[in-house]
């Protein structure tokens, strides 16, 4: 049995990768895609895409902040240990 993928012959006006993508979709995925296309306008999809990009950026800055404040706390702790070790603590 030969499992060679063929490009579908329907909708020849679409590019070959698009036709292959649509042909490989399961029926439940097609229903979701139909719902998205019918329910949302192009502007809505752009807003959703921009929102996801903003969430990714906030996550990136959150990760940076976590590491930054961790290093600040570690530095303060190390300074306290060095001060206690070399200068006998606070007087």
Protein backbone atom coordinates (compact mmCIF):
# COMPACT_ATOMS: atom_id res chain seq x y z
CA UNK A 1 0.00 0.00 0.00
CA UNK A 2 1.56 3.26 -1.13
CA UNK A 3 1.04 6.26 1.18
CA UNK A 4 2.25 8.97 -1.17
CA UNK A 5 0.68 12.34 -0.38
CA UNK A 6 -1.03 13.90 -3.36
CA UNK A 7 -2.07 17.50 -3.74
CA UNK A 8 -5.88 17.66 -3.94
CA UNK A 9 -7.29 18.49 -7.35
CA UNK A 10 -10.13 20.63 -6.00
CA UNK A 11 -9.79 24.41 -5.57
CA UNK A 12 -6.89 24.68 -8.02
CA UNK A 13 -6.86 28.47 -7.59
CA UNK A 14 -5.32 27.99 -4.13
CA UNK A 15 -1.57 27.41 -3.73
CA UNK A 16 -0.52 23.76 -3.40
CA UNK A 17 0.61 24.06 0.27
CA UNK A 18 -2.79 25.53 1.20
CA UNK A 19 -4.64 22.71 -0.54
CA UNK A 20 -2.44 20.13 1.20
CA UNK A 21 -3.07 21.80 4.57
CA UNK A 22 -6.84 21.78 4.07
CA UNK A 23 -6.83 18.19 2.81
CA UNK A 24 -4.95 17.01 5.92
CA UNK A 25 -7.45 18.55 8.38
CA UNK A 26 -9.76 16.37 10.44
CA UNK A 27 -13.54 16.98 10.29
CA UNK A 28 -13.63 18.57 13.77
CA UNK A 29 -10.82 20.95 12.77
CA UNK A 30 -12.75 21.91 9.65
CA UNK A 31 -15.83 22.72 11.73
CA UNK A 32 -13.74 24.97 14.00
CA UNK A 33 -12.17 26.69 11.00
CA UNK A 34 -15.61 27.29 9.45
CA UNK A 35 -16.84 28.77 12.74
CA UNK A 36 -13.86 31.12 12.98
CA UNK A 37 -14.22 32.26 9.38
CA UNK A 38 -17.97 32.87 9.71
CA UNK A 39 -17.98 34.38 13.21
CA UNK A 40 -15.00 36.75 13.19
CA UNK A 41 -14.13 39.59 10.84
CA UNK A 42 -10.61 40.27 9.57
CA UNK A 43 -10.24 43.11 12.09
CA UNK A 44 -11.23 40.81 14.95
CA UNK A 45 -8.59 38.28 13.94
CA UNK A 46 -5.95 41.04 13.74
CA UNK A 47 -6.88 42.22 17.26
CA UNK A 48 -6.65 38.65 18.57
CA UNK A 49 -3.26 38.18 16.93
CA UNK A 50 -1.97 41.47 18.39
CA UNK A 51 -3.27 40.49 21.83
CA UNK A 52 -1.41 37.20 21.70
CA UNK A 53 1.79 39.02 20.75
CA UNK A 54 1.29 41.41 23.69
CA UNK A 55 0.83 38.44 26.04
CA UNK A 56 4.07 36.89 24.77
CA UNK A 57 5.90 40.18 25.38
CA UNK A 58 4.51 40.51 28.91
CA UNK A 59 5.57 36.94 29.65
CA UNK A 60 9.08 37.72 28.39
CA UNK A 61 9.32 40.83 30.60
CA UNK A 62 7.90 38.91 33.55
CA UNK A 63 10.58 36.27 33.19
CA UNK A 64 13.26 38.98 32.97
CA UNK A 65 11.86 40.70 36.07
CA UNK A 66 11.85 37.46 38.01
CA UNK A 67 15.53 36.83 37.25
CA UNK A 68 16.47 40.48 37.83
CA UNK A 69 14.88 40.67 41.28
CA UNK A 70 16.28 37.27 42.17
CA UNK A 71 19.78 38.54 41.44
CA UNK A 72 19.12 41.75 43.41
CA UNK A 73 18.00 39.75 46.45
CA UNK A 74 20.96 37.36 46.10
CA UNK A 75 23.34 40.33 45.81
CA UNK A 76 21.88 41.95 48.92
CA UNK A 77 22.23 38.68 50.81
CA UNK A 78 25.81 38.24 49.63
CA UNK A 79 26.63 41.81 50.66
CA UNK A 80 25.26 41.11 54.12
CA UNK A 81 27.35 37.95 54.45
CA UNK A 82 30.52 39.73 53.29
CA UNK A 83 29.89 42.66 55.62
CA UNK A 84 29.35 40.31 58.56
CA UNK A 85 32.40 38.21 57.71
CA UNK A 86 34.88 41.05 57.12
CA UNK A 87 33.59 43.81 59.39
CA UNK A 88 31.95 41.92 62.23
CA UNK A 89 28.37 42.85 61.41
CA UNK A 90 26.49 46.03 62.22
CA UNK A 91 27.38 47.95 65.38
